[in-house]
Amino acid sequence: MNIKLTLQEIIDKLSEQSGQSKKISENFLRILIDVIEEGLKKDGIAKVKGLGTFKIIIFPYAYNNSFGVFLYR
C-alpha cells in the first residue's frame, strides 16, 4: 500500500468513521503524534500496538540527486 494522505485527510477520515467532530479527531491525532514523538526522542523507538513500530534510523550517508554526490555524516 502506497497511499499518501495529508494530516487533514486523516483527520477527516477519523472524524467520519468515529462520528466525532473534526476538532476532537484533530486533538486525538495530534496527541497520538506527540506520544510517538516523545518515545522516539527518549528511546529512539515507539511501539503502538495495532498500529506499528516507529524507529529513528540514521544512515551513514545520503545521495543528493541534484549534485550527483554522496553526503557523508
Protein backbone atom coordinates (compact mmCIF):
# COMPACT_ATOMS: atom_id res chain seq x y z
CA MET A 1 0.00 0.00 0.00
CA ASN A 2 1.50 3.31 -1.08
CA ILE A 3 -1.15 5.89 -0.18
CA LYS A 4 -0.09 9.39 0.81
CA LEU A 5 -2.54 11.32 2.97
CA THR A 6 -2.30 14.79 4.41
CA LEU A 7 -2.89 15.34 8.11
CA GLN A 8 -6.22 16.98 7.25
CA GLU A 9 -7.32 13.96 5.18
CA ILE A 10 -6.54 11.66 8.11
CA ILE A 11 -8.50 13.95 10.46
CA ASP A 12 -11.47 13.95 8.06
CA LYS A 13 -11.46 10.14 7.77
CA LEU A 14 -11.08 9.70 11.52
CA SER A 15 -13.95 12.10 12.16
CA GLU A 16 -16.18 10.44 9.58
CA GLN A 17 -15.55 6.89 10.80
CA SER A 18 -15.71 7.65 14.53
CA GLY A 19 -18.68 10.01 14.41
CA GLN A 20 -16.71 12.57 16.45
CA SER A 21 -16.20 16.19 15.50
CA LYS A 22 -13.20 17.18 13.40
CA LYS A 23 -11.81 19.15 16.35
CA ILE A 24 -11.90 16.08 18.63
CA SER A 25 -10.36 13.95 15.86
CA GLU A 26 -7.62 16.52 15.31
CA ASN A 27 -6.84 16.69 19.04
CA PHE A 28 -6.66 12.88 19.26
CA LEU A 29 -4.35 12.64 16.26
CA ARG A 30 -2.06 15.42 17.49
CA ILE A 31 -1.80 13.78 20.93
CA LEU A 32 -1.01 10.42 19.30
CA ILE A 33 1.74 12.04 17.21
CA ASP A 34 3.12 13.77 20.33
CA VAL A 35 3.24 10.46 22.24
CA ILE A 36 5.07 8.76 19.35
CA GLU A 37 7.46 11.70 19.09
CA GLU A 38 8.22 11.56 22.84
CA GLY A 39 9.03 7.85 22.58
CA LEU A 40 11.33 8.49 19.63
CA LYS A 41 13.14 11.28 21.45
CA LYS A 42 13.52 9.23 24.63
CA ASP A 43 14.32 5.75 23.34
CA GLY A 44 14.67 6.07 19.56
CA ILE A 45 11.68 3.74 19.20
CA ALA A 46 7.93 3.92 19.76
CA LYS A 47 5.61 0.91 19.58
CA VAL A 48 1.86 1.35 19.19
CA LYS A 49 0.01 -1.95 19.40
CA GLY A 50 -2.13 -2.45 16.33
CA LEU A 51 -0.51 0.48 14.51
CA GLY A 52 3.16 -0.33 14.23
CA THR A 53 6.69 0.39 15.38
CA PHE A 54 8.37 3.70 14.70
CA LYS A 55 12.17 3.93 14.77
CA ILE A 56 14.79 6.54 14.11
CA ILE A 57 17.24 5.24 11.53
CA ILE A 58 20.40 7.16 10.83
CA PHE A 59 22.12 6.38 7.56
CA PRO A 60 25.88 6.92 7.29
CA TYR A 61 25.37 8.79 4.03
CA ALA A 62 22.72 10.24 1.73
CA TYR A 63 22.70 10.66 -2.03
CA ASN A 64 21.97 14.12 -3.43
CA ASN A 65 20.34 13.78 -6.87
CA SER A 66 20.76 17.47 -7.66
CA PHE A 67 24.53 17.32 -7.48
CA GLY A 68 25.04 13.59 -8.05
CA VAL A 69 27.15 13.20 -4.94
CA PHE A 70 27.08 11.23 -1.69
CA LEU A 71 26.87 13.26 1.50
CA TYR A 72 28.65 11.59 4.42
CA ARG A 73 27.98 12.25 8.09
